[in-house]
Amino acid sequence: MKLILCTLLLAGCFFSEPKVEAPLEFEGHAFGAYYKVKYLSGPTTPSPVALKAEVEDLITRYDQEFSLWKESSQLTQFNKSQNLEPLKVSDWAIELTVESQKLYEGTLGAFDPSIKTLVNLWGFGKDKSPETPTDDEISKALRSVGFNLLEIDAQNKTWKKKIPSLQLDFNAVAPGHVSDLITKLLQKRGISHSLVDVGGELFASGERAESQPWRVGIEKPSEVLGEALMATVPLRGGIATSGSYRSYIDTKKGRISHTIDPRTGKQPLHKIISATVIAASALEADAWATALMVIGPEALNENSKIYQEIQNRKLPLYLIEEGKDGQLIEHANSFMKALWETR
């Protein structure tokens, strides 16, 4: 489960501000969690009721296409198929996989949607059976992992497996992608100032008021939602947080985190428990937050390739490490520090 980000939208809640027009808003359920939409309306903006109906139709269609829990979804059928012939897919599927390919390469394989075989092996799939796998089991599963095993034909809008056992899992970035898609929908309806939150992955467009940006609070890692804020940042673009402290399975041999390194098939050994990233899109932020939970402190090592990749992309990032006696140790790069408003 991703860390829930707390949005700060009410004037006077945390800041003393001049009175401004309150955003309109609506919310509902999405992917076993929630979605929230806040926006500034104009003279031709559809009613909140009409907008909500459109947004929920989008979420339903997306779920029908990419759900791993629905037997009838296109993704489930693709994963089950042993067919190596091209499969016609939607515009959303092409957009999602083309962007995922770029992020797979940019994160040096730390973000990899072909991880589903490993997810199942570790007990985080549909039929959960928590058990620490053996090295031989991991080695066997890794033969089916690698996003380069998917052939994407953007022009003809097809996917093609290079091996029959390839299985895809976009749960790590689906909320972010849907935040982006909802924002595009709102823009088509004449709304240029909005904040969309799908399960804690957000995209902010425009401003919440004249010269006042949308502000987002980064929550303190805790099993209790909304316990405290670590910091707040102004946002225009996407933000996502991934954490290992709410999504886990307790076994007789100890606690198993949902974070799996797709390159090794094993759980990372570092103590990073939360990673927050700001990017141009919520999908990109989602992917990088997922990757940083795999990569850990190496992302702050100036001599590492991943550090240079982050510098080149100018990605603000914020990592929280669990130290001795449960003490929280914060790591933020210069891009994130420049945005911090509250400490």
Protein backbone atom coordinates (compact mmCIF):
# COMPACT_ATOMS: atom_id res chain seq x y z
CA MET A 1 0.00 0.00 0.00
CA LYS A 2 1.29 3.43 -0.86
CA LEU A 3 1.80 6.09 1.79
CA ILE A 4 -1.21 8.40 1.88
CA LEU A 5 -0.35 12.04 1.21
CA CYS A 6 -2.32 14.63 3.18
CA THR A 7 -3.51 17.54 1.03
CA LEU A 8 -3.68 20.96 2.63
CA LEU A 9 -6.45 22.89 0.96
CA LEU A 10 -8.47 24.72 3.59
CA ALA A 11 -7.45 28.33 4.14
CA GLY A 12 -6.36 28.86 7.72
CA CYS A 13 -5.98 25.14 8.46
CA PHE A 14 -2.19 25.32 8.68
CA PHE A 15 -1.42 28.77 7.25
CA SER A 16 -2.75 32.27 7.78
CA GLU A 17 -3.95 33.32 4.33
CA PRO A 18 -6.33 35.85 2.82
CA LYS A 19 -9.83 34.56 2.17
CA VAL A 20 -10.06 32.96 -1.26
CA GLU A 21 -12.65 31.12 -3.30
CA ALA A 22 -12.99 27.58 -1.98
CA PRO A 23 -12.39 24.83 -4.55
CA LEU A 24 -15.29 22.61 -5.51
CA GLU A 25 -14.74 18.95 -4.72
CA PHE A 26 -16.04 15.41 -4.95
CA GLU A 27 -14.69 12.01 -4.00
CA GLY A 28 -15.36 8.30 -4.21
CA HIS A 29 -13.83 4.82 -4.27
CA ALA A 30 -11.07 3.67 -6.61
CA PHE A 31 -9.02 0.46 -6.74
CA GLY A 32 -9.85 -0.56 -3.18
CA ALA A 33 -8.92 2.88 -1.87
CA TYR A 34 -10.25 6.34 -2.69
CA TYR A 35 -10.06 9.26 -5.07
CA LYS A 36 -10.56 12.99 -4.43
CA VAL A 37 -10.89 15.80 -6.95
CA LYS A 38 -10.68 19.50 -6.05
CA TYR A 39 -10.91 22.21 -8.69
CA LEU A 40 -11.73 25.82 -9.43
CA SER A 41 -14.78 26.20 -11.63
CA GLY A 42 -15.47 28.59 -14.49
CA PRO A 43 -18.62 29.85 -16.20
CA THR A 44 -18.83 26.84 -18.53
CA THR A 45 -17.63 24.15 -16.11
CA PRO A 46 -19.95 21.11 -15.83
CA SER A 47 -21.59 20.48 -12.46
CA PRO A 48 -19.75 18.41 -9.83
CA VAL A 49 -22.35 15.68 -10.31
CA ALA A 50 -21.68 15.50 -14.05
CA LEU A 51 -17.90 15.59 -13.57
CA LYS A 52 -18.02 12.88 -10.93
CA ALA A 53 -19.97 10.62 -13.27
CA GLU A 54 -17.31 11.06 -15.97
CA VAL A 55 -14.45 10.49 -13.55
CA GLU A 56 -16.01 7.32 -12.14
CA ASP A 57 -16.67 6.02 -15.64
CA LEU A 58 -12.96 6.55 -16.42
CA ILE A 59 -11.93 4.70 -13.24
CA THR A 60 -14.29 1.82 -14.02
CA ARG A 61 -12.98 1.45 -17.57
CA TYR A 62 -9.38 1.59 -16.37
CA ASP A 63 -10.06 -1.07 -13.75
CA GLN A 64 -11.74 -3.32 -16.32
CA GLU A 65 -8.63 -3.07 -18.47
CA PHE A 66 -5.75 -3.31 -15.97
CA SER A 67 -7.14 -5.01 -12.85
CA LEU A 68 -5.28 -8.09 -11.63
CA TRP A 69 -8.29 -9.08 -9.52
CA LYS A 70 -10.81 -9.32 -12.36
CA GLU A 71 -10.62 -12.49 -14.43
CA SER A 72 -12.19 -10.65 -17.37
CA SER A 73 -9.69 -7.76 -17.50
CA GLN A 74 -7.48 -7.51 -20.56
CA LEU A 75 -4.35 -7.57 -18.40
CA THR A 76 -5.41 -10.75 -16.59
CA GLN A 77 -6.15 -12.43 -19.90
CA PHE A 78 -2.80 -11.29 -21.31
CA ASN A 79 -0.95 -12.65 -18.27
CA LYS A 80 -2.69 -16.03 -18.54
CA SER A 81 -2.09 -16.38 -22.25
CA GLN A 82 0.86 -18.38 -23.56
CA ASN A 83 0.40 -16.80 -26.98
CA LEU A 84 3.43 -15.10 -28.56
CA GLU A 85 1.38 -13.33 -31.24
CA PRO A 86 0.73 -9.54 -31.13
CA LEU A 87 -2.31 -8.50 -29.08
CA LYS A 88 -4.27 -5.38 -29.97
CA VAL A 89 -4.44 -3.02 -26.96
CA SER A 90 -5.87 0.38 -26.10
CA ASP A 91 -4.36 3.86 -26.27
CA TRP A 92 -4.10 3.78 -22.47
CA ALA A 93 -2.18 0.50 -22.60
CA ILE A 94 0.28 1.87 -25.14
CA GLU A 95 0.77 5.09 -23.17
CA LEU A 96 1.28 3.13 -19.95
CA THR A 97 3.79 0.67 -21.38
CA VAL A 98 5.74 3.21 -23.46
CA GLU A 99 6.20 5.38 -20.36
CA SER A 100 6.97 2.33 -18.24
CA GLN A 101 9.69 1.29 -20.70
CA LYS A 102 11.34 4.70 -20.32
CA LEU A 103 11.10 4.51 -16.53
CA TYR A 104 12.38 0.93 -16.47
CA GLU A 105 15.47 2.13 -18.31
CA GLY A 106 15.78 5.36 -16.29
CA THR A 107 15.64 3.56 -12.94
CA LEU A 108 18.15 0.96 -14.17
CA GLY A 109 15.56 -1.79 -13.77
CA ALA A 110 14.52 -0.94 -10.19
CA PHE A 111 11.03 -0.18 -11.52
CA ASP A 112 9.83 -3.15 -13.54
CA PRO A 113 6.15 -3.92 -14.27
CA SER A 114 7.08 -7.47 -15.32
CA ILE A 115 7.53 -8.28 -11.62
CA LYS A 116 4.25 -10.16 -11.18
CA THR A 117 5.83 -13.63 -11.05
CA LEU A 118 7.96 -12.46 -8.11
CA VAL A 119 4.99 -10.73 -6.45
CA ASN A 120 3.11 -14.03 -6.52
CA LEU A 121 6.13 -15.96 -5.28
CA TRP A 122 6.50 -13.71 -2.22
CA GLY A 123 2.81 -14.02 -1.36
CA PHE A 124 1.52 -10.61 -2.44
CA GLY A 125 -0.55 -11.81 -5.38
CA LYS A 126 -4.27 -12.52 -5.65
CA ASP A 127 -3.94 -15.83 -3.79
CA LYS A 128 -1.85 -14.71 -0.84
CA SER A 129 0.22 -17.46 0.76
CA PRO A 130 3.07 -15.75 2.63
CA GLU A 131 6.28 -17.70 2.59
CA THR A 132 9.92 -16.74 2.11
CA PRO A 133 10.94 -18.38 -1.18
CA THR A 134 14.12 -20.37 -1.64
CA ASP A 135 17.01 -19.15 -3.79
CA ASP A 136 16.14 -21.78 -6.39
CA GLU A 137 12.53 -20.58 -6.53
CA ILE A 138 13.67 -16.98 -6.93
CA SER A 139 16.15 -17.93 -9.64
CA LYS A 140 13.42 -19.72 -11.57
CA ALA A 141 10.99 -16.79 -11.22
CA LEU A 142 13.59 -14.30 -12.44
CA ARG A 143 13.62 -16.02 -15.84
CA SER A 144 10.16 -14.51 -16.40
CA VAL A 145 11.11 -11.01 -15.25
CA GLY A 146 12.42 -8.17 -17.41
CA PHE A 147 10.36 -5.47 -19.09
CA ASN A 148 12.40 -5.91 -22.25
CA LEU A 149 10.55 -9.24 -22.61
CA LEU A 150 7.53 -7.22 -23.74
CA GLU A 151 7.51 -5.98 -27.33
CA ILE A 152 5.52 -2.74 -27.68
CA ASP A 153 4.36 -1.59 -31.11
CA ALA A 154 3.05 1.93 -30.52
CA GLN A 155 2.18 2.50 -34.17
CA ASN A 156 0.00 -0.62 -34.50
CA LYS A 157 -1.06 -0.52 -30.83
CA THR A 158 -0.02 -4.04 -29.90
CA TRP A 159 1.75 -5.91 -27.12
CA LYS A 160 3.70 -9.08 -27.78
CA LYS A 161 5.28 -11.50 -25.33
CA LYS A 162 8.79 -12.70 -26.08
CA ILE A 163 8.36 -15.61 -23.65
CA PRO A 164 5.07 -17.32 -22.69
CA SER A 165 5.60 -16.91 -18.93
CA LEU A 166 5.83 -13.10 -18.96
CA GLN A 167 3.30 -11.46 -16.61
CA LEU A 168 2.71 -7.75 -16.05
CA ASP A 169 1.65 -5.87 -12.92
CA PHE A 170 0.95 -2.12 -13.08
CA ASN A 171 -0.39 -1.76 -9.54
CA ALA A 172 2.63 0.34 -8.57
CA VAL A 173 1.77 3.08 -11.08
CA ALA A 174 -1.95 2.69 -11.81
CA PRO A 175 -3.05 5.31 -9.23
CA GLY A 176 -0.56 7.83 -10.59
CA HIS A 177 -1.54 7.13 -14.19
CA VAL A 178 -5.22 7.56 -13.36
CA SER A 179 -4.48 10.86 -11.59
CA ASP A 180 -2.90 12.06 -14.82
CA LEU A 181 -5.82 10.80 -16.91
CA ILE A 182 -8.41 12.47 -14.68
CA THR A 183 -6.49 15.74 -14.89
CA LYS A 184 -6.55 15.52 -18.70
CA LEU A 185 -10.29 14.86 -18.56
CA LEU A 186 -10.83 17.95 -16.40
CA GLN A 187 -8.74 20.05 -18.77
CA LYS A 188 -10.94 18.94 -21.67
CA ARG A 189 -13.89 20.24 -19.66
CA GLY A 190 -12.26 23.65 -19.31
CA ILE A 191 -10.75 23.14 -15.85
CA SER A 192 -7.13 24.27 -15.69
CA HIS A 193 -6.79 24.50 -11.89
CA SER A 194 -7.23 21.17 -10.10
CA LEU A 195 -5.76 18.75 -7.59
CA VAL A 196 -6.44 15.06 -8.23
CA ASP A 197 -5.64 12.42 -5.62
CA VAL A 198 -6.01 8.72 -6.40
CA GLY A 199 -5.03 6.56 -3.44
CA GLY A 200 -2.41 9.08 -2.29
CA GLU A 201 -0.80 9.71 -5.69
CA LEU A 202 -1.50 13.28 -6.76
CA PHE A 203 -1.35 15.59 -9.73
CA ALA A 204 -1.70 19.35 -9.32
CA SER A 205 -2.58 21.56 -12.26
CA GLY A 206 -2.55 25.36 -12.13
CA GLU A 207 -3.15 26.98 -8.74
CA ARG A 208 -5.70 26.76 -5.92
CA ALA A 209 -6.11 30.54 -6.02
CA GLU A 210 -4.42 33.52 -7.66
CA SER A 211 -0.67 33.25 -6.97
CA GLN A 212 -1.32 30.52 -4.39
CA PRO A 213 -0.10 27.04 -5.30
CA TRP A 214 -1.68 23.79 -4.25
CA ARG A 215 0.11 22.53 -1.15
CA VAL A 216 0.67 18.91 -0.19
CA GLY A 217 1.71 17.50 3.16
CA ILE A 218 4.07 14.54 3.40
CA GLU A 219 2.89 12.26 6.17
CA LYS A 220 5.05 10.83 8.93
CA PRO A 221 5.60 7.07 8.44
CA SER A 222 3.14 5.33 10.73
CA GLU A 223 0.60 2.52 10.66
CA VAL A 224 -1.93 5.18 11.71
CA LEU A 225 -3.17 7.37 8.84
CA GLY A 226 -2.76 11.12 9.26
CA GLU A 227 -0.80 10.91 12.52
CA ALA A 228 1.58 13.80 11.73
CA LEU A 229 3.20 15.69 8.87
CA MET A 230 6.93 15.68 8.15
CA ALA A 231 6.83 18.58 5.68
CA THR A 232 4.68 20.42 3.16
CA VAL A 233 5.54 21.40 -0.40
CA PRO A 234 3.90 23.53 -3.09
CA LEU A 235 2.95 21.35 -6.02
CA ARG A 236 2.52 21.71 -9.74
CA GLY A 237 2.91 18.30 -11.34
CA GLY A 238 2.87 14.83 -9.81
CA ILE A 239 3.86 13.57 -6.37
CA ALA A 240 3.87 10.03 -5.03
CA THR A 241 5.07 8.23 -1.93
CA SER A 242 5.85 4.57 -1.50
CA GLY A 243 6.31 3.00 1.92
CA SER A 244 7.00 -0.42 3.39
CA TYR A 245 5.45 0.10 6.83
CA ARG A 246 1.77 -0.47 5.97
CA SER A 247 1.94 -3.18 3.31
CA TYR A 248 3.49 -6.33 4.70
CA ILE A 249 2.73 -9.90 5.71
CA ASP A 250 3.63 -11.38 9.10
CA THR A 251 4.92 -14.95 8.93
CA LYS A 252 6.40 -17.38 11.43
CA LYS A 253 9.84 -16.35 10.20
CA GLY A 254 9.15 -12.63 10.57
CA ARG A 255 7.64 -9.74 8.65
CA ILE A 256 7.81 -9.69 4.85
CA SER A 257 7.61 -6.27 3.19
CA HIS A 258 5.89 -5.82 -0.17
CA THR A 259 9.06 -4.20 -1.59
CA ILE A 260 10.82 -6.63 -3.94
CA ASP A 261 13.91 -5.86 -6.01
CA PRO A 262 13.02 -7.04 -9.54
CA ARG A 263 16.71 -7.32 -10.39
CA THR A 264 17.54 -9.83 -7.63
CA GLY A 265 14.10 -11.21 -6.76
CA LYS A 266 14.79 -10.49 -3.08
CA GLN A 267 13.85 -7.86 -0.54
CA PRO A 268 16.21 -4.89 -0.19
CA LEU A 269 18.46 -4.93 2.88
CA HIS A 270 18.46 -1.19 3.53
CA LYS A 271 16.28 0.53 6.16
CA ILE A 272 14.48 3.06 3.95
CA ILE A 273 10.77 2.87 4.88
CA SER A 274 9.38 5.73 2.80
CA ALA A 275 10.24 7.44 -0.49
CA THR A 276 8.55 10.55 -1.89
CA VAL A 277 9.19 11.92 -5.38
CA ILE A 278 7.91 14.91 -7.34
CA ALA A 279 7.90 14.64 -11.14
CA ALA A 280 6.30 16.00 -14.30
CA SER A 281 3.51 13.39 -14.09
CA ALA A 282 2.00 11.35 -11.29
CA LEU A 283 2.82 8.19 -13.24
CA GLU A 284 6.51 9.15 -13.32
CA ALA A 285 6.48 10.09 -9.63
CA ASP A 286 4.78 6.77 -8.79
CA ALA A 287 7.38 4.77 -10.68
CA TRP A 288 10.32 6.59 -9.14
CA ALA A 289 8.90 6.29 -5.60
CA THR A 290 8.56 2.54 -6.17
CA ALA A 291 12.09 2.35 -7.56
CA LEU A 292 13.59 4.31 -4.68
CA MET A 293 12.15 1.86 -2.17
CA VAL A 294 14.24 -0.73 -4.01
CA ILE A 295 17.33 1.43 -4.53
CA GLY A 296 17.50 3.01 -1.06
CA PRO A 297 20.36 5.30 0.05
CA GLU A 298 22.31 4.60 -3.15
CA ALA A 299 20.12 7.27 -4.76
CA LEU A 300 21.95 9.87 -2.64
CA ASN A 301 25.43 8.55 -3.44
CA GLU A 302 27.05 11.09 -5.79
CA ASN A 303 29.19 8.37 -7.34
CA SER A 304 26.27 6.16 -8.35
CA LYS A 305 24.66 5.99 -11.79
CA ILE A 306 21.19 6.36 -10.31
CA TYR A 307 22.20 9.58 -8.54
CA GLN A 308 23.31 11.04 -11.87
CA GLU A 309 20.04 9.97 -13.47
CA ILE A 310 18.08 11.75 -10.73
CA GLN A 311 20.24 14.87 -11.08
CA ASN A 312 19.74 14.92 -14.84
CA ARG A 313 15.96 14.71 -14.38
CA LYS A 314 16.00 17.26 -11.51
CA LEU A 315 13.73 15.05 -9.42
CA PRO A 316 12.97 16.25 -5.87
CA LEU A 317 13.16 13.24 -3.56
CA TYR A 318 12.72 12.62 0.14
CA LEU A 319 13.68 9.36 1.83
CA ILE A 320 12.92 8.37 5.41
CA GLU A 321 15.13 5.75 7.05
CA GLU A 322 14.37 3.81 10.21
CA GLY A 323 17.36 4.10 12.53
CA LYS A 324 18.15 2.56 15.88
CA ASP A 325 15.28 2.41 18.38
CA GLY A 326 12.82 3.40 15.65
CA GLN A 327 14.32 6.86 15.17
CA LEU A 328 13.40 8.41 11.81
CA ILE A 329 16.30 9.72 9.73
CA GLU A 330 15.46 12.07 6.87
CA HIS A 331 17.31 12.24 3.56
CA ALA A 332 16.35 14.89 1.01
CA ASN A 333 18.17 16.05 -2.08
CA SER A 334 18.72 19.70 -2.97
CA PHE A 335 15.69 19.78 -5.30
CA MET A 336 13.34 18.75 -2.48
CA LYS A 337 14.96 21.02 0.11
CA ALA A 338 14.33 23.97 -2.17
CA LEU A 339 10.59 23.22 -2.01
CA TRP A 340 10.18 22.56 1.72
CA GLU A 341 7.85 24.97 3.50
CA THR A 342 7.20 23.40 6.89
CA ARG A 343 9.62 21.38 9.02
